């Protein structure tokens, strides 16, 4: 399976929604970059990471966790998601014109959403 993502656009400038094809490419790219730590209780964890992109697809700001939670397992899981985003950037599957008018993209990471790569 793949991560879920949605965009919050800056009204009234946005010219449309992110295409499903672009989201598929983003999900595939993130899947290949995500390596999570070993822990027996990760199946129930979900983390949402908010990103903003420059017109060239690079990160405009540091990714941030939406609704962070306490606990080492959550922190390790969240950090693995942020590492995946940083490793995968830039996200050049979106047009520059579109990115100029895009607000935030929220990417949800969960073991059921993105199959992680094995850690080496």
C-alpha atoms as a PDB file:
ATOM      1  CA  UNK A   1       0.000   0.000   0.000  1.00  0.00           C
ATOM      2  CA  UNK A   2       1.020   3.642  -0.071  1.00  0.00           C
ATOM      3  CA  UNK A   3       0.952   6.768   2.101  1.00  0.00           C
ATOM      4  CA  UNK A   4      -1.968   9.101   1.936  1.00  0.00           C
ATOM      5  CA  UNK A   5      -1.460  12.766   1.147  1.00  0.00           C
ATOM      6  CA  UNK A   6      -3.618  15.794   0.620  1.00  0.00           C
ATOM      7  CA  UNK A   7      -2.909  19.413  -0.138  1.00  0.00           C
ATOM      8  CA  UNK A   8      -4.225  22.532   1.510  1.00  0.00           C
ATOM      9  CA  UNK A   9      -4.158  25.228  -1.130  1.00  0.00           C
ATOM     10  CA  UNK A  10      -3.786  28.969  -0.705  1.00  0.00           C
ATOM     11  CA  UNK A  11      -7.115  30.410  -1.871  1.00  0.00           C
ATOM     12  CA  UNK A  12      -7.901  31.949  -4.270  1.00  0.00           C
ATOM     13  CA  UNK A  13      -4.712  31.383  -6.237  1.00  0.00           C
ATOM     14  CA  UNK A  14      -4.724  27.606  -6.554  1.00  0.00           C
ATOM     15  CA  UNK A  15      -5.510  26.337  -9.999  1.00  0.00           C
ATOM     16  CA  UNK A  16      -6.631  22.823  -9.096  1.00  0.00           C
ATOM     17  CA  UNK A  17      -6.068  19.785  -7.005  1.00  0.00           C
ATOM     18  CA  UNK A  18      -2.989  17.603  -6.990  1.00  0.00           C
ATOM     19  CA  UNK A  19      -3.384  14.967  -9.680  1.00  0.00           C
ATOM     20  CA  UNK A  20      -3.727  11.346  -8.655  1.00  0.00           C
ATOM     21  CA  UNK A  21      -0.790  10.497 -10.920  1.00  0.00           C
ATOM     22  CA  UNK A  22       1.476  12.972  -9.100  1.00  0.00           C
ATOM     23  CA  UNK A  23       0.351  11.594  -5.730  1.00  0.00           C
ATOM     24  CA  UNK A  24       1.079   8.050  -6.908  1.00  0.00           C
ATOM     25  CA  UNK A  25       4.608   9.074  -7.899  1.00  0.00           C
ATOM     26  CA  UNK A  26       5.084  10.808  -4.537  1.00  0.00           C
ATOM     27  CA  UNK A  27       3.837   7.742  -2.634  1.00  0.00           C
ATOM     28  CA  UNK A  28       6.128   5.413  -4.565  1.00  0.00           C
ATOM     29  CA  UNK A  29       9.093   7.694  -3.973  1.00  0.00           C
ATOM     30  CA  UNK A  30       8.394   7.967  -0.236  1.00  0.00           C
ATOM     31  CA  UNK A  31       7.935   4.219   0.033  1.00  0.00           C
ATOM     32  CA  UNK A  32      11.416   3.668  -1.365  1.00  0.00           C
ATOM     33  CA  UNK A  33      12.939   6.174   1.103  1.00  0.00           C
ATOM     34  CA  UNK A  34      11.221   5.067   4.318  1.00  0.00           C
ATOM     35  CA  UNK A  35      13.159   2.897   6.746  1.00  0.00           C
ATOM     36  CA  UNK A  36      11.676   2.562  10.226  1.00  0.00           C
ATOM     37  CA  UNK A  37      13.249   1.469  13.496  1.00  0.00           C
ATOM     38  CA  UNK A  38      12.541  -1.969  14.949  1.00  0.00           C
ATOM     39  CA  UNK A  39       9.800  -1.971  17.545  1.00  0.00           C
ATOM     40  CA  UNK A  40       7.021  -4.447  18.301  1.00  0.00           C
ATOM     41  CA  UNK A  41       4.280  -1.814  18.711  1.00  0.00           C
ATOM     42  CA  UNK A  42       4.491   0.169  15.489  1.00  0.00           C
ATOM     43  CA  UNK A  43       1.452  -1.390  13.793  1.00  0.00           C
ATOM     44  CA  UNK A  44      -0.918   0.991  15.549  1.00  0.00           C
ATOM     45  CA  UNK A  45       1.135   4.167  15.023  1.00  0.00           C
ATOM     46  CA  UNK A  46       0.256   6.839  12.501  1.00  0.00           C
ATOM     47  CA  UNK A  47       2.103  10.094  11.986  1.00  0.00           C
ATOM     48  CA  UNK A  48       1.101  13.032   9.813  1.00  0.00           C
ATOM     49  CA  UNK A  49       3.936  15.151   8.450  1.00  0.00           C
ATOM     50  CA  UNK A  50       3.265  18.610   7.030  1.00  0.00           C
ATOM     51  CA  UNK A  51       5.498  19.776   4.200  1.00  0.00           C
ATOM     52  CA  UNK A  52       5.692  22.914   2.098  1.00  0.00           C
ATOM     53  CA  UNK A  53       7.477  22.869  -1.234  1.00  0.00           C
ATOM     54  CA  UNK A  54       9.279  25.472  -3.312  1.00  0.00           C
ATOM     55  CA  UNK A  55       8.462  25.747  -7.037  1.00  0.00           C
ATOM     56  CA  UNK A  56      11.411  23.418  -7.809  1.00  0.00           C
ATOM     57  CA  UNK A  57       9.967  20.723  -5.503  1.00  0.00           C
ATOM     58  CA  UNK A  58      12.566  21.154  -2.755  1.00  0.00           C
ATOM     59  CA  UNK A  59      11.468  21.635   0.836  1.00  0.00           C
ATOM     60  CA  UNK A  60      10.557  25.253   1.610  1.00  0.00           C
ATOM     61  CA  UNK A  61      10.635  24.597   5.365  1.00  0.00           C
ATOM     62  CA  UNK A  62      11.622  21.775   7.644  1.00  0.00           C
ATOM     63  CA  UNK A  63       8.949  19.050   7.708  1.00  0.00           C
ATOM     64  CA  UNK A  64       6.870  19.180  10.879  1.00  0.00           C
ATOM     65  CA  UNK A  65       4.783  16.650  12.731  1.00  0.00           C
ATOM     66  CA  UNK A  66       1.084  17.427  12.935  1.00  0.00           C
ATOM     67  CA  UNK A  67      -0.198  16.610  16.440  1.00  0.00           C
ATOM     68  CA  UNK A  68       2.986  15.161  17.980  1.00  0.00           C
ATOM     69  CA  UNK A  69       2.567  12.632  20.776  1.00  0.00           C
ATOM     70  CA  UNK A  70       4.776  11.728  23.733  1.00  0.00           C
ATOM     71  CA  UNK A  71       6.730   8.509  23.899  1.00  0.00           C
ATOM     72  CA  UNK A  72       9.913   7.134  22.422  1.00  0.00           C
ATOM     73  CA  UNK A  73       8.180   4.812  19.940  1.00  0.00           C
ATOM     74  CA  UNK A  74       6.135   7.647  18.455  1.00  0.00           C
ATOM     75  CA  UNK A  75       9.183   9.925  18.322  1.00  0.00           C
ATOM     76  CA  UNK A  76      11.288   7.261  16.591  1.00  0.00           C
ATOM     77  CA  UNK A  77       8.460   6.545  14.142  1.00  0.00           C
ATOM     78  CA  UNK A  78       7.921  10.262  13.438  1.00  0.00           C
ATOM     79  CA  UNK A  79      11.646  10.829  12.952  1.00  0.00           C
ATOM     80  CA  UNK A  80      11.759   7.957  10.435  1.00  0.00           C
ATOM     81  CA  UNK A  81       8.981   9.662   8.445  1.00  0.00           C
ATOM     82  CA  UNK A  82      10.830  12.994   8.457  1.00  0.00           C
ATOM     83  CA  UNK A  83      14.034  11.243   7.349  1.00  0.00           C
ATOM     84  CA  UNK A  84      12.129   9.671   4.443  1.00  0.00           C
ATOM     85  CA  UNK A  85      10.818  13.057   3.326  1.00  0.00           C
ATOM     86  CA  UNK A  86      14.249  14.689   3.524  1.00  0.00           C
ATOM     87  CA  UNK A  87      15.878  11.765   1.720  1.00  0.00           C
ATOM     88  CA  UNK A  88      13.285  11.806  -1.083  1.00  0.00           C
ATOM     89  CA  UNK A  89      13.261  15.559  -1.708  1.00  0.00           C
ATOM     90  CA  UNK A  90      12.939  17.178  -4.165  1.00  0.00           C
ATOM     91  CA  UNK A  91       9.404  16.254  -5.131  1.00  0.00           C
ATOM     92  CA  UNK A  92       9.519  17.275  -8.771  1.00  0.00           C
ATOM     93  CA  UNK A  93       6.382  15.396  -9.785  1.00  0.00           C
ATOM     94  CA  UNK A  94       4.390  18.629  -9.356  1.00  0.00           C
ATOM     95  CA  UNK A  95       4.517  21.529 -11.808  1.00  0.00           C
ATOM     96  CA  UNK A  96       6.312  24.711 -10.693  1.00  0.00           C
ATOM     97  CA  UNK A  97       3.204  26.793 -11.396  1.00  0.00           C
ATOM     98  CA  UNK A  98       1.146  24.550  -9.188  1.00  0.00           C
ATOM     99  CA  UNK A  99       3.674  24.562  -6.353  1.00  0.00           C
ATOM    100  CA  UNK A 100       3.792  28.361  -6.320  1.00  0.00           C
ATOM    101  CA  UNK A 101       0.134  28.337  -5.305  1.00  0.00           C
ATOM    102  CA  UNK A 102       0.138  25.316  -3.056  1.00  0.00           C
ATOM    103  CA  UNK A 103      -0.124  25.611   0.690  1.00  0.00           C
ATOM    104  CA  UNK A 104       0.805  22.514   2.637  1.00  0.00           C
ATOM    105  CA  UNK A 105       0.878  18.838   1.813  1.00  0.00           C
ATOM    106  CA  UNK A 106       0.037  16.503   4.682  1.00  0.00           C
ATOM    107  CA  UNK A 107       1.560  13.044   4.294  1.00  0.00           C
ATOM    108  CA  UNK A 108       0.312  10.263   6.549  1.00  0.00           C
ATOM    109  CA  UNK A 109       2.778   7.518   7.451  1.00  0.00           C
ATOM    110  CA  UNK A 110       1.509   4.205   8.837  1.00  0.00           C
ATOM    111  CA  UNK A 111       2.749   0.664   8.423  1.00  0.00           C
ATOM    112  CA  UNK A 112      -0.478  -0.139   6.622  1.00  0.00           C
ATOM    113  CA  UNK A 113       0.048   2.841   4.319  1.00  0.00           C
ATOM    114  CA  UNK A 114       3.685   2.593   3.185  1.00  0.00           C
ATOM    115  CA  UNK A 115       5.592  -0.650   3.231  1.00  0.00           C
ATOM    116  CA  UNK A 116       8.939   0.340   4.795  1.00  0.00           C
ATOM    117  CA  UNK A 117      12.253  -0.841   3.433  1.00  0.00           C
ATOM    118  CA  UNK A 118      14.328  -3.026   5.702  1.00  0.00           C
ATOM    119  CA  UNK A 119      16.840  -1.123   7.800  1.00  0.00           C
ATOM    120  CA  UNK A 120      20.495  -1.896   7.144  1.00  0.00           C
END
